[in-house]
Amino acid sequence: MRHLTTSEYAPRLRSRLAREQQLARDAVERGWPREVERHNAIADRISGLLEDLGESTEPGPDDHC
C-alpha cells in the first residue's frame, strides 16, 4: 500500500522543509559536504511534494512540527 500525501499535511511538510534547510546551513558552517547534500536532497523532495499539492513552500501561521 502506498502512502498518499494530502494538503492537510502541508503545514507539517513546510515545517520539515524549514528544518532541513536549517540543518543544511549548519552543515555548511561545519564543513560537512555530505550532510549538506543529504539535507538539500530531502528539502528538494519536500519542496516537490508541496509543489505537487499546489501548496506554497513559504512558512505559514499553521505550520508546526
PDB file of N, CA and C in Angstrom:
ATOM      1  N   MET A   1       0.838  -1.176   0.000  1.00  0.00           N
ATOM      2  CA  MET A   1       0.000   0.000   0.000  1.00  0.00           C
ATOM      3  C   MET A   1       0.885   1.243   0.000  1.00  0.00           C
ATOM      4  N   ARG A   2       0.551   2.190  -0.828  1.00  0.00           N
ATOM      5  CA  ARG A   2       1.337   3.407  -0.948  1.00  0.00           C
ATOM      6  C   ARG A   2       0.686   4.534  -0.147  1.00  0.00           C
ATOM      7  N   HIS A   3       1.515   5.289   0.553  1.00  0.00           N
ATOM      8  CA  HIS A   3       1.022   6.429   1.328  1.00  0.00           C
ATOM      9  C   HIS A   3       0.818   7.611   0.386  1.00  0.00           C
ATOM     10  N   LEU A   4      -0.324   8.247   0.465  1.00  0.00           N
ATOM     11  CA  LEU A   4      -0.603   9.436  -0.332  1.00  0.00           C
ATOM     12  C   LEU A   4      -0.587  10.659   0.572  1.00  0.00           C
ATOM     13  N   THR A   5       0.185  11.660   0.183  1.00  0.00           N
ATOM     14  CA  THR A   5       0.253  12.895   0.944  1.00  0.00           C
ATOM     15  C   THR A   5      -0.849  13.827   0.460  1.00  0.00           C
ATOM     16  N   THR A   6      -1.585  14.403   1.392  1.00  0.00           N
ATOM     17  CA  THR A   6      -2.667  15.325   1.053  1.00  0.00           C
ATOM     18  C   THR A   6      -2.343  16.718   1.578  1.00  0.00           C
ATOM     19  N   SER A   7      -3.129  17.695   1.146  1.00  0.00           N
ATOM     20  CA  SER A   7      -2.904  19.088   1.543  1.00  0.00           C
ATOM     21  C   SER A   7      -2.961  19.301   3.048  1.00  0.00           C
ATOM     22  N   GLU A   8      -3.650  18.428   3.765  1.00  0.00           N
ATOM     23  CA  GLU A   8      -3.724  18.609   5.218  1.00  0.00           C
ATOM     24  C   GLU A   8      -2.346  18.452   5.874  1.00  0.00           C
ATOM     25  N   TYR A   9      -1.408  17.832   5.180  1.00  0.00           N
ATOM     26  CA  TYR A   9      -0.052  17.664   5.705  1.00  0.00           C
ATOM     27  C   TYR A   9       0.882  18.812   5.315  1.00  0.00           C
ATOM     28  N   ALA A  10       0.397  19.770   4.520  1.00  0.00           N
ATOM     29  CA  ALA A  10       1.249  20.861   4.043  1.00  0.00           C
ATOM     30  C   ALA A  10       1.923  21.631   5.179  1.00  0.00           C
ATOM     31  N   PRO A  11       1.215  21.997   6.245  1.00  0.00           N
ATOM     32  CA  PRO A  11       1.907  22.718   7.326  1.00  0.00           C
ATOM     33  C   PRO A  11       3.061  21.912   7.926  1.00  0.00           C
ATOM     34  N   ARG A  12       2.855  20.636   8.106  1.00  0.00           N
ATOM     35  CA  ARG A  12       3.911  19.782   8.662  1.00  0.00           C
ATOM     36  C   ARG A  12       5.076  19.662   7.670  1.00  0.00           C
ATOM     37  N   LEU A  13       4.762  19.561   6.390  1.00  0.00           N
ATOM     38  CA  LEU A  13       5.812  19.486   5.371  1.00  0.00           C
ATOM     39  C   LEU A  13       6.619  20.776   5.329  1.00  0.00           C
ATOM     40  N   ARG A  14       5.941  21.926   5.418  1.00  0.00           N
ATOM     41  CA  ARG A  14       6.665  23.207   5.409  1.00  0.00           C
ATOM     42  C   ARG A  14       7.570  23.329   6.629  1.00  0.00           C
ATOM     43  N   SER A  15       7.100  22.861   7.767  1.00  0.00           N
ATOM     44  CA  SER A  15       7.920  22.881   8.975  1.00  0.00           C
ATOM     45  C   SER A  15       9.153  21.995   8.800  1.00  0.00           C
ATOM     46  N   ARG A  16       8.954  20.833   8.237  1.00  0.00           N
ATOM     47  CA  ARG A  16      10.076  19.911   7.985  1.00  0.00           C
ATOM     48  C   ARG A  16      11.045  20.505   6.963  1.00  0.00           C
ATOM     49  N   LEU A  17      10.503  21.185   5.946  1.00  0.00           N
ATOM     50  CA  LEU A  17      11.340  21.838   4.940  1.00  0.00           C
ATOM     51  C   LEU A  17      12.238  22.884   5.599  1.00  0.00           C
ATOM     52  N   ALA A  18      11.650  23.712   6.451  1.00  0.00           N
ATOM     53  CA  ALA A  18      12.435  24.743   7.138  1.00  0.00           C
ATOM     54  C   ALA A  18      13.535  24.105   7.986  1.00  0.00           C
ATOM     55  N   ARG A  19      13.223  23.002   8.642  1.00  0.00           N
ATOM     56  CA  ARG A  19      14.214  22.313   9.480  1.00  0.00           C
ATOM     57  C   ARG A  19      15.357  21.753   8.637  1.00  0.00           C
ATOM     58  N   GLU A  20      15.027  21.136   7.513  1.00  0.00           N
ATOM     59  CA  GLU A  20      16.070  20.585   6.638  1.00  0.00           C
ATOM     60  C   GLU A  20      16.952  21.701   6.083  1.00  0.00           C
ATOM     61  N   GLN A  21      16.358  22.842   5.744  1.00  0.00           N
ATOM     62  CA  GLN A  21      17.140  23.972   5.251  1.00  0.00           C
ATOM     63  C   GLN A  21      18.068  24.495   6.343  1.00  0.00           C
ATOM     64  N   GLN A  22      17.560  24.538   7.580  1.00  0.00           N
ATOM     65  CA  GLN A  22      18.379  24.964   8.710  1.00  0.00           C
ATOM     66  C   GLN A  22      19.545  23.995   8.930  1.00  0.00           C
ATOM     67  N   LEU A  23      19.262  22.709   8.861  1.00  0.00           N
ATOM     68  CA  LEU A  23      20.311  21.705   9.038  1.00  0.00           C
ATOM     69  C   LEU A  23      21.353  21.783   7.919  1.00  0.00           C
ATOM     70  N   ALA A  24      20.922  22.074   6.700  1.00  0.00           N
ATOM     71  CA  ALA A  24      21.862  22.219   5.582  1.00  0.00           C
ATOM     72  C   ALA A  24      22.785  23.415   5.817  1.00  0.00           C
ATOM     73  N   ARG A  25      22.213  24.533   6.279  1.00  0.00           N
ATOM     74  CA  ARG A  25      23.041  25.714   6.568  1.00  0.00           C
ATOM     75  C   ARG A  25      24.054  25.408   7.674  1.00  0.00           C
ATOM     76  N   ASP A  26      23.614  24.703   8.693  1.00  0.00           N
ATOM     77  CA  ASP A  26      24.506  24.322   9.785  1.00  0.00           C
ATOM     78  C   ASP A  26      25.643  23.435   9.269  1.00  0.00           C
ATOM     79  N   ALA A  27      25.305  22.510   8.393  1.00  0.00           N
ATOM     80  CA  ALA A  27      26.322  21.614   7.834  1.00  0.00           C
ATOM     81  C   ALA A  27      27.337  22.384   6.992  1.00  0.00           C
ATOM     82  N   VAL A  28      26.873  23.415   6.270  1.00  0.00           N
ATOM     83  CA  VAL A  28      27.793  24.261   5.502  1.00  0.00           C
ATOM     84  C   VAL A  28      28.790  24.918   6.457  1.00  0.00           C
ATOM     85  N   GLU A  29      28.258  25.495   7.539  1.00  0.00           N
ATOM     86  CA  GLU A  29      29.117  26.179   8.513  1.00  0.00           C
ATOM     87  C   GLU A  29      30.132  25.233   9.146  1.00  0.00           C
ATOM     88  N   ARG A  30      29.764  23.973   9.296  1.00  0.00           N
ATOM     89  CA  ARG A  30      30.656  22.997   9.923  1.00  0.00           C
ATOM     90  C   ARG A  30      31.588  22.310   8.914  1.00  0.00           C
ATOM     91  N   GLY A  31      31.378  22.602   7.627  1.00  0.00           N
ATOM     92  CA  GLY A  31      32.235  21.993   6.614  1.00  0.00           C
ATOM     93  C   GLY A  31      31.940  20.525   6.370  1.00  0.00           C
ATOM     94  N   TRP A  32      30.666  20.151   6.420  1.00  0.00           N
ATOM     95  CA  TRP A  32      30.237  18.763   6.233  1.00  0.00           C
ATOM     96  C   TRP A  32      29.507  18.614   4.900  1.00  0.00           C
ATOM     97  N   PRO A  33      30.223  18.484   3.798  1.00  0.00           N
ATOM     98  CA  PRO A  33      29.587  18.472   2.475  1.00  0.00           C
ATOM     99  C   PRO A  33      28.567  17.349   2.264  1.00  0.00           C
ATOM    100  N   ARG A  34      28.799  16.175   2.801  1.00  0.00           N
ATOM    101  CA  ARG A  34      27.833  15.070   2.615  1.00  0.00           C
ATOM    102  C   ARG A  34      26.522  15.368   3.332  1.00  0.00           C
ATOM    103  N   GLU A  35      26.606  15.987   4.502  1.00  0.00           N
ATOM    104  CA  GLU A  35      25.392  16.360   5.234  1.00  0.00           C
ATOM    105  C   GLU A  35      24.644  17.474   4.507  1.00  0.00           C
ATOM    106  N   VAL A  36      25.390  18.413   3.924  1.00  0.00           N
ATOM    107  CA  VAL A  36      24.757  19.469   3.118  1.00  0.00           C
ATOM    108  C   VAL A  36      23.975  18.821   1.985  1.00  0.00           C
ATOM    109  N   GLU A  37      24.620  17.901   1.288  1.00  0.00           N
ATOM    110  CA  GLU A  37      23.984  17.204   0.167  1.00  0.00           C
ATOM    111  C   GLU A  37      22.734  16.446   0.624  1.00  0.00           C
ATOM    112  N   ARG A  38      22.847  15.753   1.732  1.00  0.00           N
ATOM    113  CA  ARG A  38      21.724  14.957   2.241  1.00  0.00           C
ATOM    114  C   ARG A  38      20.530  15.835   2.617  1.00  0.00           C
ATOM    115  N   HIS A  39      20.784  16.890   3.376  1.00  0.00           N
ATOM    116  CA  HIS A  39      19.684  17.760   3.805  1.00  0.00           C
ATOM    117  C   HIS A  39      19.078  18.513   2.622  1.00  0.00           C
ATOM    118  N   ASN A  40      19.907  18.915   1.665  1.00  0.00           N
ATOM    119  CA  ASN A  40      19.372  19.581   0.478  1.00  0.00           C
ATOM    120  C   ASN A  40      18.521  18.630  -0.358  1.00  0.00           C
ATOM    121  N   ALA A  41      18.916  17.373  -0.445  1.00  0.00           N
ATOM    122  CA  ALA A  41      18.129  16.386  -1.195  1.00  0.00           C
ATOM    123  C   ALA A  41      16.764  16.176  -0.537  1.00  0.00           C
ATOM    124  N   ILE A  42      16.742  16.098   0.781  1.00  0.00           N
ATOM    125  CA  ILE A  42      15.470  15.945   1.491  1.00  0.00           C
ATOM    126  C   ILE A  42      14.610  17.190   1.286  1.00  0.00           C
ATOM    127  N   ALA A  43      15.216  18.368   1.398  1.00  0.00           N
ATOM    128  CA  ALA A  43      14.479  19.620   1.201  1.00  0.00           C
ATOM    129  C   ALA A  43      13.902  19.688  -0.211  1.00  0.00           C
ATOM    130  N   ASP A  44      14.670  19.254  -1.202  1.00  0.00           N
ATOM    131  CA  ASP A  44      14.175  19.246  -2.587  1.00  0.00           C
ATOM    132  C   ASP A  44      12.979  18.318  -2.736  1.00  0.00           C
ATOM    133  N   ARG A  45      13.036  17.165  -2.093  1.00  0.00           N
ATOM    134  CA  ARG A  45      11.916  16.209  -2.159  1.00  0.00           C
ATOM    135  C   ARG A  45      10.664  16.791  -1.502  1.00  0.00           C
ATOM    136  N   ILE A  46      10.828  17.424  -0.362  1.00  0.00           N
ATOM    137  CA  ILE A  46       9.693  18.040   0.329  1.00  0.00           C
ATOM    138  C   ILE A  46       9.123  19.181  -0.511  1.00  0.00           C
ATOM    139  N   SER A  47       9.994  19.995  -1.104  1.00  0.00           N
ATOM    140  CA  SER A  47       9.527  21.077  -1.978  1.00  0.00           C
ATOM    141  C   SER A  47       8.723  20.518  -3.138  1.00  0.00           C
ATOM    142  N   GLY A  48       9.191  19.411  -3.700  1.00  0.00           N
ATOM    143  CA  GLY A  48       8.467  18.765  -4.793  1.00  0.00           C
ATOM    144  C   GLY A  48       7.102  18.269  -4.363  1.00  0.00           C
ATOM    145  N   LEU A  49       7.016  17.700  -3.170  1.00  0.00           N
ATOM    146  CA  LEU A  49       5.718  17.247  -2.651  1.00  0.00           C
ATOM    147  C   LEU A  49       4.762  18.423  -2.489  1.00  0.00           C
ATOM    148  N   LEU A  50       5.261  19.520  -1.923  1.00  0.00           N
ATOM    149  CA  LEU A  50       4.417  20.701  -1.750  1.00  0.00           C
ATOM    150  C   LEU A  50       3.962  21.247  -3.104  1.00  0.00           C
ATOM    151  N   GLU A  51       4.875  21.271  -4.068  1.00  0.00           N
ATOM    152  CA  GLU A  51       4.531  21.736  -5.418  1.00  0.00           C
ATOM    153  C   GLU A  51       3.466  20.838  -6.040  1.00  0.00           C
ATOM    154  N   ASP A  52       3.621  19.533  -5.893  1.00  0.00           N
ATOM    155  CA  ASP A  52       2.632  18.586  -6.422  1.00  0.00           C
ATOM    156  C   ASP A  52       1.253  18.811  -5.814  1.00  0.00           C
ATOM    157  N   LEU A  53       1.229  19.256  -4.559  1.00  0.00           N
ATOM    158  CA  LEU A  53      -0.040  19.521  -3.873  1.00  0.00           C
ATOM    159  C   LEU A  53      -0.588  20.912  -4.178  1.00  0.00           C
ATOM    160  N   GLY A  54       0.194  21.723  -4.913  1.00  0.00           N
ATOM    161  CA  GLY A  54      -0.221  23.094  -5.198  1.00  0.00           C
ATOM    162  C   GLY A  54      -0.104  23.993  -3.980  1.00  0.00           C
ATOM    163  N   GLU A  55       0.795  23.639  -3.074  1.00  0.00           N
ATOM    164  CA  GLU A  55       0.980  24.374  -1.822  1.00  0.00           C
ATOM    165  C   GLU A  55       2.263  25.201  -1.874  1.00  0.00           C
ATOM    166  N   SER A  56       2.277  26.272  -1.110  1.00  0.00           N
ATOM    167  CA  SER A  56       3.442  27.136  -1.005  1.00  0.00           C
ATOM    168  C   SER A  56       4.533  26.460  -0.170  1.00  0.00           C
ATOM    169  N   THR A  57       5.770  26.816  -0.463  1.00  0.00           N
ATOM    170  CA  THR A  57       6.886  26.342   0.362  1.00  0.00           C
ATOM    171  C   THR A  57       7.210  27.347   1.467  1.00  0.00           C
ATOM    172  N   GLU A  58       6.551  28.506   1.445  1.00  0.00           N
ATOM    173  CA  GLU A  58       6.780  29.531   2.459  1.00  0.00           C
ATOM    174  C   GLU A  58       6.063  29.158   3.755  1.00  0.00           C
ATOM    175  N   PRO A  59       6.713  29.359   4.902  1.00  0.00           N
ATOM    176  CA  PRO A  59       6.074  29.032   6.182  1.00  0.00           C
ATOM    177  C   PRO A  59       4.784  29.820   6.383  1.00  0.00           C
ATOM    178  N   GLY A  60       3.821  29.173   7.000  1.00  0.00           N
ATOM    179  CA  GLY A  60       2.544  29.806   7.292  1.00  0.00           C
ATOM    180  C   GLY A  60       2.250  29.776   8.781  1.00  0.00           C
ATOM    181  N   PRO A  61       1.182  30.455   9.200  1.00  0.00           N
ATOM    182  CA  PRO A  61       0.862  30.543  10.633  1.00  0.00           C
ATOM    183  C   PRO A  61       0.465  29.207  11.260  1.00  0.00           C
ATOM    184  N   ASP A  62      -0.002  28.264  10.444  1.00  0.00           N
ATOM    185  CA  ASP A  62      -0.440  26.972  10.981  1.00  0.00           C
ATOM    186  C   ASP A  62       0.638  25.898  10.926  1.00  0.00           C
ATOM    187  N   ASP A  63       1.834  26.265  10.485  1.00  0.00           N
ATOM    188  CA  ASP A  63       2.904  25.277  10.350  1.00  0.00           C
ATOM    189  C   ASP A  63       3.431  24.894  11.724  1.00  0.00           C
ATOM    190  N   HIS A  64       3.671  23.597  11.895  1.00  0.00           N
ATOM    191  CA  HIS A  64       4.139  23.068  13.167  1.00  0.00           C
ATOM    192  C   HIS A  64       4.910  21.784  12.932  1.00  0.00           C
ATOM    193  N   CYS A  65       5.607  21.348  13.937  1.00  0.00           N
ATOM    194  CA  CYS A  65       6.362  20.090  13.846  1.00  0.00           C
ATOM    195  C   CYS A  65       5.487  18.928  14.218  1.00  0.00           C
TER     196      CYS A  65
END
